[in-house]
């Protein structure tokens, strides 16, 4: 008995062809052949490490300048803690959603969207500076010593010794802006860590995976060390307040 079989393309082969077309380098429909040389795990590792360095720089620098923001805008430690955990709150709500549905998404596109959110959060963090400025108005006036530990400088025209009026005028708006920016940053880095690392692991050989992940971790740790030094630069406050001779609070009170 003779049997004639006709080759029928399976859904898996069609899926692989569609995946091959979809994961080409380019922008929209613009996917020239010369750009396809970048479809390589090593190129992805470089981009992944670069994004990790920039994203880690935001977090490290934010931690480094948090005390400066507290003194500039009169934050309490409790309010700073709320701002600081905003990214964890957003990540807690989105991690399981991104992790579950991420397998059905275009992974590089989802990571790129998350990085756009991180960039937007960095821009939002600069809004208080553009609204309130660097407090250079204090240079043109006499500055008094304040007993309020949350305030670095006190305008002499303020009658309240604790500068409560100055702090309350900008504290809540600035805290709200920084909270939203930090929450948006948490939304962005969720896609980076939840989708980015597994996507790298799926596209490299198992024996090379430790080398790829160690390289990405090393770049993030190195960048954090450099940013900590920059954030703690003691010369950054020289533009705001210059002291010719050191004067201690005990000497001022004795006068």
C-alpha atoms as a PDB file:
ATOM      1  CA  UNK A   1       0.000   0.000   0.000  1.00  0.00           C
ATOM      2  CA  UNK A   2       1.384   3.328  -0.998  1.00  0.00           C
ATOM      3  CA  UNK A   3       0.899   6.474   1.008  1.00  0.00           C
ATOM      4  CA  UNK A   4       1.419   9.950  -0.375  1.00  0.00           C
ATOM      5  CA  UNK A   5       2.322  12.594   2.198  1.00  0.00           C
ATOM      6  CA  UNK A   6       2.114  16.291   1.508  1.00  0.00           C
ATOM      7  CA  UNK A   7       4.408  18.586   3.449  1.00  0.00           C
ATOM      8  CA  UNK A   8       2.320  21.043   5.453  1.00  0.00           C
ATOM      9  CA  UNK A   9       4.122  23.944   7.187  1.00  0.00           C
ATOM     10  CA  UNK A  10       3.621  23.758  10.916  1.00  0.00           C
ATOM     11  CA  UNK A  11       2.620  26.699  13.060  1.00  0.00           C
ATOM     12  CA  UNK A  12       5.999  26.551  14.777  1.00  0.00           C
ATOM     13  CA  UNK A  13       7.880  27.211  11.538  1.00  0.00           C
ATOM     14  CA  UNK A  14       5.560  30.075  10.694  1.00  0.00           C
ATOM     15  CA  UNK A  15       6.065  31.442  14.188  1.00  0.00           C
ATOM     16  CA  UNK A  16       9.846  31.223  13.846  1.00  0.00           C
ATOM     17  CA  UNK A  17       9.737  33.080  10.530  1.00  0.00           C
ATOM     18  CA  UNK A  18       7.569  35.823  11.990  1.00  0.00           C
ATOM     19  CA  UNK A  19       9.868  36.068  15.012  1.00  0.00           C
ATOM     20  CA  UNK A  20      12.896  36.343  12.728  1.00  0.00           C
ATOM     21  CA  UNK A  21      11.305  39.229  10.842  1.00  0.00           C
ATOM     22  CA  UNK A  22      10.079  40.965  13.993  1.00  0.00           C
ATOM     23  CA  UNK A  23      13.410  40.866  15.813  1.00  0.00           C
ATOM     24  CA  UNK A  24      15.420  42.654  13.170  1.00  0.00           C
ATOM     25  CA  UNK A  25      17.290  45.835  14.026  1.00  0.00           C
ATOM     26  CA  UNK A  26      15.698  49.024  12.793  1.00  0.00           C
ATOM     27  CA  UNK A  27      13.098  51.675  13.466  1.00  0.00           C
ATOM     28  CA  UNK A  28       9.587  50.770  12.411  1.00  0.00           C
ATOM     29  CA  UNK A  29       9.640  49.439   8.872  1.00  0.00           C
ATOM     30  CA  UNK A  30      13.140  50.814   8.291  1.00  0.00           C
ATOM     31  CA  UNK A  31      15.275  47.687   8.772  1.00  0.00           C
ATOM     32  CA  UNK A  32      18.186  47.793   6.316  1.00  0.00           C
ATOM     33  CA  UNK A  33      20.497  44.835   5.881  1.00  0.00           C
ATOM     34  CA  UNK A  34      23.578  46.664   7.160  1.00  0.00           C
ATOM     35  CA  UNK A  35      21.921  47.080  10.572  1.00  0.00           C
ATOM     36  CA  UNK A  36      21.344  43.355  10.970  1.00  0.00           C
ATOM     37  CA  UNK A  37      24.987  42.884  11.931  1.00  0.00           C
ATOM     38  CA  UNK A  38      23.975  44.306  15.318  1.00  0.00           C
ATOM     39  CA  UNK A  39      21.617  41.379  15.942  1.00  0.00           C
ATOM     40  CA  UNK A  40      24.164  39.842  18.254  1.00  0.00           C
ATOM     41  CA  UNK A  41      24.171  38.996  21.980  1.00  0.00           C
ATOM     42  CA  UNK A  42      27.426  40.917  22.448  1.00  0.00           C
ATOM     43  CA  UNK A  43      25.873  44.105  21.095  1.00  0.00           C
ATOM     44  CA  UNK A  44      22.876  43.568  23.337  1.00  0.00           C
ATOM     45  CA  UNK A  45      25.230  43.091  26.301  1.00  0.00           C
ATOM     46  CA  UNK A  46      26.923  46.434  25.596  1.00  0.00           C
ATOM     47  CA  UNK A  47      23.569  48.205  25.405  1.00  0.00           C
ATOM     48  CA  UNK A  48      22.293  46.333  28.464  1.00  0.00           C
ATOM     49  CA  UNK A  49      25.362  47.347  30.496  1.00  0.00           C
ATOM     50  CA  UNK A  50      25.207  50.959  29.299  1.00  0.00           C
ATOM     51  CA  UNK A  51      21.566  51.256  30.265  1.00  0.00           C
ATOM     52  CA  UNK A  52      22.314  49.632  33.616  1.00  0.00           C
ATOM     53  CA  UNK A  53      25.108  52.127  34.292  1.00  0.00           C
ATOM     54  CA  UNK A  54      22.893  55.122  33.524  1.00  0.00           C
ATOM     55  CA  UNK A  55      19.978  53.744  35.477  1.00  0.00           C
ATOM     56  CA  UNK A  56      22.148  52.901  38.466  1.00  0.00           C
ATOM     57  CA  UNK A  57      23.680  56.373  38.327  1.00  0.00           C
ATOM     58  CA  UNK A  58      20.254  57.907  38.894  1.00  0.00           C
ATOM     59  CA  UNK A  59      19.578  55.817  41.989  1.00  0.00           C
ATOM     60  CA  UNK A  60      23.034  56.300  43.486  1.00  0.00           C
ATOM     61  CA  UNK A  61      23.089  60.037  42.879  1.00  0.00           C
ATOM     62  CA  UNK A  62      19.570  60.422  44.261  1.00  0.00           C
ATOM     63  CA  UNK A  63      20.667  58.745  47.487  1.00  0.00           C
ATOM     64  CA  UNK A  64      23.801  60.901  47.620  1.00  0.00           C
ATOM     65  CA  UNK A  65      21.992  64.232  47.301  1.00  0.00           C
ATOM     66  CA  UNK A  66      18.960  63.334  49.403  1.00  0.00           C
ATOM     67  CA  UNK A  67      20.342  65.064  52.500  1.00  0.00           C
ATOM     68  CA  UNK A  68      21.016  68.177  50.429  1.00  0.00           C
ATOM     69  CA  UNK A  69      17.411  68.162  49.219  1.00  0.00           C
ATOM     70  CA  UNK A  70      16.235  67.787  52.806  1.00  0.00           C
ATOM     71  CA  UNK A  71      18.071  70.929  53.838  1.00  0.00           C
ATOM     72  CA  UNK A  72      17.207  72.881  50.696  1.00  0.00           C
ATOM     73  CA  UNK A  73      13.450  72.273  50.871  1.00  0.00           C
ATOM     74  CA  UNK A  74      12.986  71.439  54.561  1.00  0.00           C
ATOM     75  CA  UNK A  75      12.130  67.733  54.310  1.00  0.00           C
ATOM     76  CA  UNK A  76      11.713  65.629  57.405  1.00  0.00           C
ATOM     77  CA  UNK A  77      13.333  62.210  57.512  1.00  0.00           C
ATOM     78  CA  UNK A  78       9.906  60.552  57.370  1.00  0.00           C
ATOM     79  CA  UNK A  79       9.006  62.386  54.172  1.00  0.00           C
ATOM     80  CA  UNK A  80      12.353  61.516  52.618  1.00  0.00           C
ATOM     81  CA  UNK A  81      11.682  57.868  53.427  1.00  0.00           C
ATOM     82  CA  UNK A  82       8.325  58.002  51.638  1.00  0.00           C
ATOM     83  CA  UNK A  83       9.985  59.508  48.562  1.00  0.00           C
ATOM     84  CA  UNK A  84      12.747  56.937  48.703  1.00  0.00           C
ATOM     85  CA  UNK A  85      10.417  53.904  48.680  1.00  0.00           C
ATOM     86  CA  UNK A  86       8.205  55.184  45.850  1.00  0.00           C
ATOM     87  CA  UNK A  87      10.075  53.064  43.307  1.00  0.00           C
ATOM     88  CA  UNK A  88       9.575  49.946  45.427  1.00  0.00           C
ATOM     89  CA  UNK A  89       5.843  50.602  45.621  1.00  0.00           C
ATOM     90  CA  UNK A  90       5.430  50.878  41.855  1.00  0.00           C
ATOM     91  CA  UNK A  91       7.718  47.899  41.246  1.00  0.00           C
ATOM     92  CA  UNK A  92       5.755  45.755  43.713  1.00  0.00           C
ATOM     93  CA  UNK A  93       2.528  46.319  41.790  1.00  0.00           C
ATOM     94  CA  UNK A  94       4.045  45.880  38.337  1.00  0.00           C
ATOM     95  CA  UNK A  95       6.623  43.121  38.748  1.00  0.00           C
ATOM     96  CA  UNK A  96       4.191  40.214  38.608  1.00  0.00           C
ATOM     97  CA  UNK A  97       2.267  41.812  35.715  1.00  0.00           C
ATOM     98  CA  UNK A  98       5.394  42.431  33.658  1.00  0.00           C
ATOM     99  CA  UNK A  99       6.798  39.023  34.556  1.00  0.00           C
ATOM    100  CA  UNK A 100       3.634  37.171  33.552  1.00  0.00           C
ATOM    101  CA  UNK A 101       2.684  39.054  30.391  1.00  0.00           C
ATOM    102  CA  UNK A 102       6.240  39.893  29.369  1.00  0.00           C
ATOM    103  CA  UNK A 103       6.668  36.525  27.672  1.00  0.00           C
ATOM    104  CA  UNK A 104       4.025  37.546  25.142  1.00  0.00           C
ATOM    105  CA  UNK A 105       5.472  40.998  24.464  1.00  0.00           C
ATOM    106  CA  UNK A 106       8.172  42.193  22.127  1.00  0.00           C
ATOM    107  CA  UNK A 107      10.902  42.091  24.768  1.00  0.00           C
ATOM    108  CA  UNK A 108      13.404  44.629  23.333  1.00  0.00           C
ATOM    109  CA  UNK A 109      10.543  47.026  22.676  1.00  0.00           C
ATOM    110  CA  UNK A 110       9.234  46.609  26.227  1.00  0.00           C
ATOM    111  CA  UNK A 111      12.710  47.264  27.647  1.00  0.00           C
ATOM    112  CA  UNK A 112      13.057  50.362  25.476  1.00  0.00           C
ATOM    113  CA  UNK A 113       9.689  51.643  26.694  1.00  0.00           C
ATOM    114  CA  UNK A 114      10.803  51.140  30.282  1.00  0.00           C
ATOM    115  CA  UNK A 115      13.988  53.101  29.660  1.00  0.00           C
ATOM    116  CA  UNK A 116      11.933  55.941  28.191  1.00  0.00           C
ATOM    117  CA  UNK A 117      10.029  56.000  31.479  1.00  0.00           C
ATOM    118  CA  UNK A 118      13.319  56.149  33.401  1.00  0.00           C
ATOM    119  CA  UNK A 119      14.483  59.068  31.243  1.00  0.00           C
ATOM    120  CA  UNK A 120      11.191  60.847  31.853  1.00  0.00           C
ATOM    121  CA  UNK A 121      11.553  60.359  35.608  1.00  0.00           C
ATOM    122  CA  UNK A 122      15.036  61.916  35.494  1.00  0.00           C
ATOM    123  CA  UNK A 123      13.601  64.951  33.726  1.00  0.00           C
ATOM    124  CA  UNK A 124      10.793  65.249  36.281  1.00  0.00           C
ATOM    125  CA  UNK A 125      13.395  65.301  39.068  1.00  0.00           C
ATOM    126  CA  UNK A 126      14.851  68.494  37.577  1.00  0.00           C
ATOM    127  CA  UNK A 127      11.521  70.359  37.696  1.00  0.00           C
ATOM    128  CA  UNK A 128      11.984  71.641  41.299  1.00  0.00           C
ATOM    129  CA  UNK A 129      15.263  73.242  40.262  1.00  0.00           C
ATOM    130  CA  UNK A 130      13.638  75.089  37.363  1.00  0.00           C
ATOM    131  CA  UNK A 131      10.724  76.202  39.555  1.00  0.00           C
ATOM    132  CA  UNK A 132      12.544  77.229  42.739  1.00  0.00           C
ATOM    133  CA  UNK A 133      16.116  77.644  41.521  1.00  0.00           C
ATOM    134  CA  UNK A 134      19.321  77.008  43.498  1.00  0.00           C
ATOM    135  CA  UNK A 135      18.367  79.505  46.274  1.00  0.00           C
ATOM    136  CA  UNK A 136      20.888  82.074  45.090  1.00  0.00           C
ATOM    137  CA  UNK A 137      18.688  84.788  46.586  1.00  0.00           C
ATOM    138  CA  UNK A 138      20.296  83.926  49.920  1.00  0.00           C
ATOM    139  CA  UNK A 139      23.598  85.325  48.686  1.00  0.00           C
ATOM    140  CA  UNK A 140      22.150  88.824  48.446  1.00  0.00           C
ATOM    141  CA  UNK A 141      20.795  88.799  52.005  1.00  0.00           C
ATOM    142  CA  UNK A 142      22.136  88.241  55.450  1.00  0.00           C
ATOM    143  CA  UNK A 143      21.850  84.636  56.544  1.00  0.00           C
ATOM    144  CA  UNK A 144      21.038  83.784  60.135  1.00  0.00           C
ATOM    145  CA  UNK A 145      21.774  80.621  62.026  1.00  0.00           C
ATOM    146  CA  UNK A 146      18.649  78.520  62.509  1.00  0.00           C
ATOM    147  CA  UNK A 147      17.888  75.997  65.205  1.00  0.00           C
ATOM    148  CA  UNK A 148      15.874  73.920  62.730  1.00  0.00           C
ATOM    149  CA  UNK A 149      18.056  70.968  61.759  1.00  0.00           C
ATOM    150  CA  UNK A 150      16.012  70.447  58.596  1.00  0.00           C
ATOM    151  CA  UNK A 151      17.054  73.829  57.217  1.00  0.00           C
ATOM    152  CA  UNK A 152      20.543  74.591  55.976  1.00  0.00           C
ATOM    153  CA  UNK A 153      20.025  78.358  55.582  1.00  0.00           C
ATOM    154  CA  UNK A 154      17.556  80.842  57.035  1.00  0.00           C
ATOM    155  CA  UNK A 155      16.656  84.120  55.378  1.00  0.00           C
ATOM    156  CA  UNK A 156      17.159  87.040  57.790  1.00  0.00           C
ATOM    157  CA  UNK A 157      13.904  88.638  56.601  1.00  0.00           C
ATOM    158  CA  UNK A 158      11.924  85.729  58.054  1.00  0.00           C
ATOM    159  CA  UNK A 159      10.731  86.471  61.553  1.00  0.00           C
ATOM    160  CA  UNK A 160      10.322  82.813  62.472  1.00  0.00           C
ATOM    161  CA  UNK A 161      13.588  81.435  63.776  1.00  0.00           C
ATOM    162  CA  UNK A 162      12.808  77.936  62.559  1.00  0.00           C
ATOM    163  CA  UNK A 163      12.062  79.087  59.007  1.00  0.00           C
ATOM    164  CA  UNK A 164       8.764  77.180  59.015  1.00  0.00           C
ATOM    165  CA  UNK A 165       7.155  79.536  56.515  1.00  0.00           C
ATOM    166  CA  UNK A 166       9.994  79.051  54.037  1.00  0.00           C
ATOM    167  CA  UNK A 167       9.909  75.292  54.328  1.00  0.00           C
ATOM    168  CA  UNK A 168       6.141  74.836  54.026  1.00  0.00           C
ATOM    169  CA  UNK A 169       5.878  76.895  50.835  1.00  0.00           C
ATOM    170  CA  UNK A 170       7.927  74.470  48.745  1.00  0.00           C
ATOM    171  CA  UNK A 171       8.118  71.260  50.771  1.00  0.00           C
ATOM    172  CA  UNK A 172       4.874  69.579  49.691  1.00  0.00           C
ATOM    173  CA  UNK A 173       5.053  70.447  45.957  1.00  0.00           C
ATOM    174  CA  UNK A 174       8.681  69.341  45.686  1.00  0.00           C
ATOM    175  CA  UNK A 175       8.046  66.168  47.666  1.00  0.00           C
ATOM    176  CA  UNK A 176       5.119  65.309  45.385  1.00  0.00           C
ATOM    177  CA  UNK A 177       7.209  65.843  42.256  1.00  0.00           C
ATOM    178  CA  UNK A 178      10.085  63.726  43.551  1.00  0.00           C
ATOM    179  CA  UNK A 179       7.699  60.990  44.693  1.00  0.00           C
ATOM    180  CA  UNK A 180       6.089  60.754  41.248  1.00  0.00           C
ATOM    181  CA  UNK A 181       9.489  60.799  39.552  1.00  0.00           C
ATOM    182  CA  UNK A 182      10.824  58.029  41.759  1.00  0.00           C
ATOM    183  CA  UNK A 183       7.661  55.955  41.259  1.00  0.00           C
ATOM    184  CA  UNK A 184       7.979  56.344  37.498  1.00  0.00           C
ATOM    185  CA  UNK A 185      11.609  55.266  37.738  1.00  0.00           C
ATOM    186  CA  UNK A 186      10.499  52.110  39.544  1.00  0.00           C
ATOM    187  CA  UNK A 187       8.066  51.397  36.739  1.00  0.00           C
ATOM    188  CA  UNK A 188      10.840  51.743  34.160  1.00  0.00           C
ATOM    189  CA  UNK A 189      13.489  49.595  35.815  1.00  0.00           C
ATOM    190  CA  UNK A 190      10.953  46.808  36.415  1.00  0.00           C
ATOM    191  CA  UNK A 191      10.938  46.031  32.696  1.00  0.00           C
ATOM    192  CA  UNK A 192      14.731  46.266  32.575  1.00  0.00           C
ATOM    193  CA  UNK A 193      15.353  43.659  35.278  1.00  0.00           C
ATOM    194  CA  UNK A 194      12.276  41.464  34.795  1.00  0.00           C
ATOM    195  CA  UNK A 195      12.552  41.126  31.009  1.00  0.00           C
ATOM    196  CA  UNK A 196      16.089  42.220  30.144  1.00  0.00           C
ATOM    197  CA  UNK A 197      18.065  39.635  32.106  1.00  0.00           C
ATOM    198  CA  UNK A 198      15.966  36.594  31.044  1.00  0.00           C
ATOM    199  CA  UNK A 199      16.052  37.802  27.442  1.00  0.00           C
ATOM    200  CA  UNK A 200      19.851  37.871  27.595  1.00  0.00           C
ATOM    201  CA  UNK A 201      19.918  34.397  29.138  1.00  0.00           C
ATOM    202  CA  UNK A 202      17.642  33.001  26.408  1.00  0.00           C
ATOM    203  CA  UNK A 203      19.883  34.219  23.595  1.00  0.00           C
ATOM    204  CA  UNK A 204      23.330  33.127  24.756  1.00  0.00           C
ATOM    205  CA  UNK A 205      24.911  29.746  25.245  1.00  0.00           C
ATOM    206  CA  UNK A 206      24.518  28.353  28.724  1.00  0.00           C
ATOM    207  CA  UNK A 207      28.266  28.068  29.215  1.00  0.00           C
ATOM    208  CA  UNK A 208      28.691  31.779  28.352  1.00  0.00           C
ATOM    209  CA  UNK A 209      25.787  33.040  30.471  1.00  0.00           C
ATOM    210  CA  UNK A 210      27.861  33.551  33.668  1.00  0.00           C
ATOM    211  CA  UNK A 211      30.349  35.714  31.771  1.00  0.00           C
ATOM    212  CA  UNK A 212      27.580  37.904  30.358  1.00  0.00           C
ATOM    213  CA  UNK A 213      25.860  38.381  33.693  1.00  0.00           C
ATOM    214  CA  UNK A 214      29.109  39.045  35.553  1.00  0.00           C
ATOM    215  CA  UNK A 215      30.009  41.724  32.999  1.00  0.00           C
ATOM    216  CA  UNK A 216      26.679  43.484  33.464  1.00  0.00           C
ATOM    217  CA  UNK A 217      26.975  43.311  37.258  1.00  0.00           C
ATOM    218  CA  UNK A 218      30.539  44.635  37.205  1.00  0.00           C
ATOM    219  CA  UNK A 219      29.552  47.641  35.099  1.00  0.00           C
ATOM    220  CA  UNK A 220      26.696  48.543  37.452  1.00  0.00           C
ATOM    221  CA  UNK A 221      28.835  48.248  40.589  1.00  0.00           C
ATOM    222  CA  UNK A 222      31.681  50.277  39.082  1.00  0.00           C
ATOM    223  CA  UNK A 223      29.368  53.068  37.985  1.00  0.00           C
ATOM    224  CA  UNK A 224      27.773  53.240  41.440  1.00  0.00           C
ATOM    225  CA  UNK A 225      31.181  53.737  43.055  1.00  0.00           C
ATOM    226  CA  UNK A 226      32.027  56.610  40.727  1.00  0.00           C
ATOM    227  CA  UNK A 227      28.650  58.301  41.198  1.00  0.00           C
ATOM    228  CA  UNK A 228      28.968  58.135  44.998  1.00  0.00           C
ATOM    229  CA  UNK A 229      32.214  60.109  44.779  1.00  0.00           C
ATOM    230  CA  UNK A 230      30.589  62.696  42.505  1.00  0.00           C
ATOM    231  CA  UNK A 231      27.508  63.014  44.722  1.00  0.00           C
ATOM    232  CA  UNK A 232      29.644  63.564  47.835  1.00  0.00           C
ATOM    233  CA  UNK A 233      31.843  66.214  46.243  1.00  0.00           C
ATOM    234  CA  UNK A 234      32.254  68.847  48.989  1.00  0.00           C
ATOM    235  CA  UNK A 235      32.795  71.600  46.438  1.00  0.00           C
ATOM    236  CA  UNK A 236      29.232  71.454  45.109  1.00  0.00           C
ATOM    237  CA  UNK A 237      27.910  73.816  47.828  1.00  0.00           C
ATOM    238  CA  UNK A 238      30.494  76.505  47.064  1.00  0.00           C
ATOM    239  CA  UNK A 239      28.195  78.127  44.504  1.00  0.00           C
ATOM    240  CA  UNK A 240      25.470  78.629  47.100  1.00  0.00           C
ATOM    241  CA  UNK A 241      27.324  79.689  50.188  1.00  0.00           C
ATOM    242  CA  UNK A 242      30.896  80.824  50.608  1.00  0.00           C
ATOM    243  CA  UNK A 243      32.606  81.271  53.960  1.00  0.00           C
ATOM    244  CA  UNK A 244      35.763  83.335  54.292  1.00  0.00           C
ATOM    245  CA  UNK A 245      36.511  82.289  57.851  1.00  0.00           C
ATOM    246  CA  UNK A 246      35.097  79.290  59.707  1.00  0.00           C
ATOM    247  CA  UNK A 247      32.551  80.362  62.305  1.00  0.00           C
ATOM    248  CA  UNK A 248      31.032  77.795  64.625  1.00  0.00           C
ATOM    249  CA  UNK A 249      27.495  78.024  66.067  1.00  0.00           C
ATOM    250  CA  UNK A 250      28.855  78.152  69.631  1.00  0.00           C
ATOM    251  CA  UNK A 251      30.832  81.302  68.817  1.00  0.00           C
ATOM    252  CA  UNK A 252      27.795  82.956  67.237  1.00  0.00           C
ATOM    253  CA  UNK A 253      25.559  82.209  70.213  1.00  0.00           C
ATOM    254  CA  UNK A 254      28.167  83.571  72.640  1.00  0.00           C
ATOM    255  CA  UNK A 255      28.172  86.844  70.715  1.00  0.00           C
END
